[in-house]
Amino acid sequence: MSTIAQPALRRARVGRGTFTGGVFWILVIAVLLAGVVAVNVLVLRLNVQLDDLRRDRAELKAEIATARAQLSSASANARIETEAASKLGLVRHDPNQTTFLRLDP
């Protein structure tokens, strides 16, 4: 009788272990899937931030280009006035002394 009782106990223990093991693996897989979802959410957030930073960088580059163009035109006018005064002897005229003639048809 003792030999018959032992296999029955072993089968019951094996059955409990399989159930517990199955639940364990389901929980492990659920935790892993939750981790994958969390990583994907973080990557999505980082991509959104990266897009915002790229847009900001493009706007700043455009502002820098505009400022450089303004600086270039301002320095060109000053350079032209300096060269006109030094090389050609031209002087700036007082706008208050300007008179206009009207030619009526």
N, C-alpha and C. Protein backbone atom coordinates (compact mmCIF):
# COMPACT_ATOMS: atom_id res chain seq x y z
N MET A 1 0.78 -1.19 0.00
CA MET A 1 0.00 0.00 0.00
C MET A 1 0.83 1.27 0.00
N SER A 2 1.93 1.20 0.62
CA SER A 2 2.75 2.40 0.68
C SER A 2 3.31 2.77 -0.69
N THR A 3 3.55 1.79 -1.53
CA THR A 3 4.04 2.09 -2.86
C THR A 3 2.96 2.71 -3.72
N ILE A 4 1.73 2.38 -3.50
CA ILE A 4 0.63 2.96 -4.27
C ILE A 4 0.36 4.39 -3.82
N ALA A 5 0.48 4.66 -2.57
CA ALA A 5 0.19 6.00 -2.03
C ALA A 5 1.25 7.01 -2.45
N GLN A 6 2.45 6.59 -2.59
CA GLN A 6 3.50 7.53 -2.94
C GLN A 6 3.33 8.12 -4.34
N PRO A 7 3.03 7.34 -5.36
CA PRO A 7 2.82 7.97 -6.68
C PRO A 7 1.64 8.93 -6.70
N ALA A 8 0.63 8.67 -5.93
CA ALA A 8 -0.51 9.57 -5.89
C ALA A 8 -0.10 10.91 -5.30
N LEU A 9 0.72 10.90 -4.26
CA LEU A 9 1.20 12.14 -3.67
C LEU A 9 2.11 12.89 -4.62
N ARG A 10 2.90 12.16 -5.30
CA ARG A 10 3.81 12.81 -6.26
C ARG A 10 3.02 13.48 -7.39
N ARG A 11 2.00 12.85 -7.84
CA ARG A 11 1.20 13.43 -8.92
C ARG A 11 0.51 14.71 -8.45
N ALA A 12 0.03 14.69 -7.24
CA ALA A 12 -0.63 15.87 -6.70
C ALA A 12 0.36 17.01 -6.57
N ARG A 13 1.55 16.72 -6.13
CA ARG A 13 2.56 17.77 -6.00
C ARG A 13 2.97 18.29 -7.37
N VAL A 14 3.11 17.43 -8.34
CA VAL A 14 3.47 17.85 -9.69
C VAL A 14 2.38 18.75 -10.25
N GLY A 15 1.16 18.41 -10.02
CA GLY A 15 0.05 19.23 -10.50
C GLY A 15 0.06 20.62 -9.89
N ARG A 16 0.30 20.70 -8.62
CA ARG A 16 0.37 22.01 -7.96
C ARG A 16 1.55 22.81 -8.46
N GLY A 17 2.67 22.16 -8.66
CA GLY A 17 3.86 22.85 -9.16
C GLY A 17 3.66 23.39 -10.57
N THR A 18 2.96 22.66 -11.40
CA THR A 18 2.69 23.11 -12.76
C THR A 18 1.78 24.33 -12.74
N PHE A 19 0.77 24.29 -11.92
CA PHE A 19 -0.13 25.44 -11.83
C PHE A 19 0.60 26.67 -11.32
N THR A 20 1.38 26.48 -10.26
CA THR A 20 2.14 27.59 -9.71
C THR A 20 3.17 28.09 -10.71
N GLY A 21 3.81 27.17 -11.40
CA GLY A 21 4.80 27.55 -12.41
C GLY A 21 4.15 28.29 -13.56
N GLY A 22 2.96 27.86 -13.98
CA GLY A 22 2.26 28.54 -15.08
C GLY A 22 1.88 29.96 -14.71
N VAL A 23 1.38 30.14 -13.50
CA VAL A 23 1.03 31.48 -13.03
C VAL A 23 2.28 32.34 -12.96
N PHE A 24 3.37 31.74 -12.48
CA PHE A 24 4.63 32.47 -12.38
C PHE A 24 5.07 32.98 -13.75
N TRP A 25 5.02 32.09 -14.76
CA TRP A 25 5.47 32.51 -16.09
C TRP A 25 4.53 33.54 -16.70
N ILE A 26 3.26 33.42 -16.43
CA ILE A 26 2.32 34.43 -16.92
C ILE A 26 2.64 35.78 -16.31
N LEU A 27 2.94 35.81 -15.02
CA LEU A 27 3.30 37.06 -14.37
C LEU A 27 4.62 37.61 -14.91
N VAL A 28 5.58 36.73 -15.15
CA VAL A 28 6.87 37.18 -15.70
C VAL A 28 6.67 37.80 -17.07
N ILE A 29 5.89 37.14 -17.91
CA ILE A 29 5.64 37.67 -19.26
C ILE A 29 4.86 38.97 -19.19
N ALA A 30 3.91 39.08 -18.27
CA ALA A 30 3.15 40.32 -18.11
C ALA A 30 4.06 41.46 -17.68
N VAL A 31 4.97 41.19 -16.76
CA VAL A 31 5.91 42.23 -16.31
C VAL A 31 6.82 42.63 -17.46
N LEU A 32 7.30 41.67 -18.23
CA LEU A 32 8.16 41.99 -19.38
C LEU A 32 7.42 42.83 -20.42
N LEU A 33 6.17 42.46 -20.69
CA LEU A 33 5.38 43.24 -21.64
C LEU A 33 5.14 44.66 -21.14
N ALA A 34 4.88 44.79 -19.84
CA ALA A 34 4.70 46.12 -19.26
C ALA A 34 5.99 46.92 -19.39
N GLY A 35 7.12 46.26 -19.22
CA GLY A 35 8.41 46.94 -19.40
C GLY A 35 8.61 47.40 -20.83
N VAL A 36 8.25 46.57 -21.78
CA VAL A 36 8.37 46.95 -23.20
C VAL A 36 7.48 48.15 -23.50
N VAL A 37 6.27 48.14 -22.99
CA VAL A 37 5.36 49.27 -23.21
C VAL A 37 5.93 50.53 -22.57
N ALA A 38 6.48 50.42 -21.37
CA ALA A 38 7.06 51.59 -20.71
C ALA A 38 8.24 52.14 -21.50
N VAL A 39 9.08 51.27 -22.02
CA VAL A 39 10.21 51.72 -22.83
C VAL A 39 9.73 52.40 -24.10
N ASN A 40 8.70 51.86 -24.73
CA ASN A 40 8.16 52.48 -25.94
C ASN A 40 7.58 53.86 -25.65
N VAL A 41 6.92 54.01 -24.52
CA VAL A 41 6.37 55.32 -24.15
C VAL A 41 7.51 56.31 -23.93
N LEU A 42 8.57 55.89 -23.26
CA LEU A 42 9.71 56.77 -23.04
C LEU A 42 10.37 57.17 -24.35
N VAL A 43 10.50 56.23 -25.26
CA VAL A 43 11.10 56.54 -26.57
C VAL A 43 10.21 57.52 -27.33
N LEU A 44 8.92 57.35 -27.26
CA LEU A 44 8.00 58.27 -27.92
C LEU A 44 8.13 59.67 -27.35
N ARG A 45 8.22 59.78 -26.03
CA ARG A 45 8.39 61.10 -25.40
C ARG A 45 9.70 61.74 -25.83
N LEU A 46 10.76 60.94 -25.88
CA LEU A 46 12.05 61.48 -26.30
C LEU A 46 12.02 61.93 -27.76
N ASN A 47 11.31 61.21 -28.60
CA ASN A 47 11.18 61.61 -30.00
C ASN A 47 10.42 62.93 -30.13
N VAL A 48 9.38 63.10 -29.33
CA VAL A 48 8.63 64.36 -29.35
C VAL A 48 9.53 65.51 -28.91
N GLN A 49 10.30 65.29 -27.84
CA GLN A 49 11.22 66.34 -27.38
C GLN A 49 12.28 66.63 -28.43
N LEU A 50 12.77 65.60 -29.10
CA LEU A 50 13.77 65.78 -30.15
C LEU A 50 13.20 66.60 -31.30
N ASP A 51 11.96 66.32 -31.69
CA ASP A 51 11.33 67.10 -32.75
C ASP A 51 11.17 68.57 -32.35
N ASP A 52 10.79 68.81 -31.09
CA ASP A 52 10.68 70.19 -30.61
C ASP A 52 12.03 70.89 -30.64
N LEU A 53 13.07 70.20 -30.22
CA LEU A 53 14.41 70.80 -30.22
C LEU A 53 14.89 71.06 -31.64
N ARG A 54 14.58 70.17 -32.56
CA ARG A 54 14.96 70.40 -33.97
C ARG A 54 14.25 71.61 -34.55
N ARG A 55 12.96 71.76 -34.20
CA ARG A 55 12.21 72.91 -34.68
C ARG A 55 12.79 74.21 -34.08
N ASP A 56 13.12 74.18 -32.79
CA ASP A 56 13.73 75.34 -32.15
C ASP A 56 15.07 75.67 -32.80
N ARG A 57 15.85 74.65 -33.09
CA ARG A 57 17.15 74.87 -33.73
C ARG A 57 16.98 75.49 -35.11
N ALA A 58 16.01 75.02 -35.87
CA ALA A 58 15.77 75.60 -37.20
C ALA A 58 15.35 77.06 -37.09
N GLU A 59 14.50 77.37 -36.10
CA GLU A 59 14.09 78.76 -35.91
C GLU A 59 15.27 79.64 -35.51
N LEU A 60 16.13 79.13 -34.64
CA LEU A 60 17.31 79.89 -34.23
C LEU A 60 18.27 80.10 -35.40
N LYS A 61 18.42 79.09 -36.24
CA LYS A 61 19.28 79.25 -37.41
C LYS A 61 18.72 80.32 -38.35
N ALA A 62 17.41 80.36 -38.50
CA ALA A 62 16.79 81.38 -39.35
C ALA A 62 17.00 82.77 -38.75
N GLU A 63 16.85 82.88 -37.43
CA GLU A 63 17.09 84.18 -36.78
C GLU A 63 18.54 84.61 -36.93
N ILE A 64 19.47 83.67 -36.81
CA ILE A 64 20.88 83.99 -36.98
C ILE A 64 21.16 84.46 -38.40
N ALA A 65 20.56 83.79 -39.38
CA ALA A 65 20.75 84.20 -40.77
C ALA A 65 20.21 85.61 -41.01
N THR A 66 19.05 85.91 -40.43
CA THR A 66 18.47 87.25 -40.56
C THR A 66 19.37 88.29 -39.91
N ALA A 67 19.87 87.99 -38.72
CA ALA A 67 20.76 88.93 -38.03
C ALA A 67 22.05 89.13 -38.80
N ARG A 68 22.58 88.09 -39.38
CA ARG A 68 23.81 88.22 -40.19
C ARG A 68 23.56 89.08 -41.42
N ALA A 69 22.41 88.90 -42.06
CA ALA A 69 22.09 89.71 -43.23
C ALA A 69 21.96 91.18 -42.85
N GLN A 70 21.30 91.46 -41.72
CA GLN A 70 21.18 92.84 -41.27
C GLN A 70 22.53 93.43 -40.92
N LEU A 71 23.37 92.66 -40.27
CA LEU A 71 24.70 93.13 -39.93
C LEU A 71 25.52 93.38 -41.18
N SER A 72 25.39 92.51 -42.14
CA SER A 72 26.13 92.66 -43.39
C SER A 72 25.71 93.93 -44.13
N SER A 73 24.40 94.18 -44.20
CA SER A 73 23.94 95.39 -44.90
C SER A 73 24.32 96.64 -44.13
N ALA A 74 24.28 96.58 -42.80
CA ALA A 74 24.66 97.75 -42.00
C ALA A 74 26.15 98.03 -42.15
N SER A 75 26.95 97.01 -42.14
CA SER A 75 28.39 97.23 -42.28
C SER A 75 28.74 97.65 -43.71
N ALA A 76 27.97 97.20 -44.68
CA ALA A 76 28.22 97.60 -46.06
C ALA A 76 27.97 99.10 -46.22
N ASN A 77 26.88 99.63 -45.64
CA ASN A 77 26.60 101.06 -45.74
C ASN A 77 27.69 101.88 -45.07
N ALA A 78 28.12 101.47 -43.91
CA ALA A 78 29.18 102.19 -43.20
C ALA A 78 30.49 102.13 -43.99
N ARG A 79 30.78 100.98 -44.57
CA ARG A 79 32.00 100.83 -45.36
C ARG A 79 31.96 101.70 -46.60
N ILE A 80 30.81 101.76 -47.26
CA ILE A 80 30.67 102.59 -48.46
C ILE A 80 30.85 104.07 -48.11
N GLU A 81 30.25 104.50 -47.02
CA GLU A 81 30.39 105.90 -46.60
C GLU A 81 31.85 106.23 -46.27
N THR A 82 32.52 105.31 -45.60
CA THR A 82 33.92 105.53 -45.24
C THR A 82 34.80 105.62 -46.49
N GLU A 83 34.60 104.71 -47.42
CA GLU A 83 35.40 104.73 -48.64
C GLU A 83 35.08 105.96 -49.49
N ALA A 84 33.82 106.36 -49.52
CA ALA A 84 33.45 107.55 -50.30
C ALA A 84 34.12 108.80 -49.70
N ALA A 85 34.18 108.87 -48.40
CA ALA A 85 34.80 110.03 -47.77
C ALA A 85 36.31 110.00 -47.93
N SER A 86 36.95 108.86 -47.77
CA SER A 86 38.41 108.81 -47.82
C SER A 86 38.96 108.81 -49.24
N LYS A 87 38.39 108.06 -50.14
CA LYS A 87 38.94 107.94 -51.49
C LYS A 87 38.44 109.03 -52.43
N LEU A 88 37.17 109.40 -52.29
CA LEU A 88 36.59 110.36 -53.24
C LEU A 88 36.43 111.75 -52.64
N GLY A 89 36.60 111.87 -51.35
CA GLY A 89 36.47 113.17 -50.71
C GLY A 89 35.02 113.62 -50.56
N LEU A 90 34.07 112.72 -50.64
CA LEU A 90 32.66 113.07 -50.52
C LEU A 90 32.29 113.24 -49.04
N VAL A 91 31.36 114.13 -48.78
CA VAL A 91 30.89 114.35 -47.42
C VAL A 91 29.38 114.17 -47.39
N ARG A 92 28.88 113.89 -46.23
CA ARG A 92 27.44 113.71 -46.06
C ARG A 92 26.78 115.08 -46.10
N HIS A 93 25.70 115.18 -46.85
CA HIS A 93 24.97 116.43 -47.00
C HIS A 93 23.93 116.57 -45.90
N ASP A 94 23.71 117.80 -45.47
CA ASP A 94 22.70 118.08 -44.45
C ASP A 94 21.33 118.02 -45.11
N PRO A 95 20.43 117.15 -44.67
CA PRO A 95 19.11 117.03 -45.32
C PRO A 95 18.24 118.27 -45.14
N ASN A 96 18.52 119.10 -44.15
CA ASN A 96 17.73 120.32 -43.95
C ASN A 96 18.01 121.37 -45.01
N GLN A 97 19.10 121.28 -45.70
CA GLN A 97 19.46 122.26 -46.74
C GLN A 97 19.01 121.82 -48.12
N THR A 98 18.30 120.76 -48.22
CA THR A 98 17.84 120.25 -49.51
C THR A 98 16.59 121.01 -49.92
N THR A 99 16.55 121.44 -51.17
CA THR A 99 15.37 122.09 -51.75
C THR A 99 14.92 121.29 -52.94
N PHE A 100 13.62 121.31 -53.18
CA PHE A 100 13.05 120.58 -54.30
C PHE A 100 12.40 121.57 -55.25
N LEU A 101 12.49 121.29 -56.51
CA LEU A 101 11.86 122.10 -57.54
C LEU A 101 10.64 121.35 -58.06
N ARG A 102 9.56 122.09 -58.23
CA ARG A 102 8.37 121.50 -58.83
C ARG A 102 8.27 121.94 -60.27
N LEU A 103 8.17 121.01 -61.11
CA LEU A 103 8.00 121.30 -62.52
C LEU A 103 6.57 121.01 -62.92
N ASP A 104 5.79 122.08 -63.06
CA ASP A 104 4.40 121.91 -63.43
C ASP A 104 4.29 121.83 -64.95
N PRO A 105 3.58 120.89 -65.47
CA PRO A 105 3.43 120.77 -66.93
C PRO A 105 2.50 121.78 -67.53
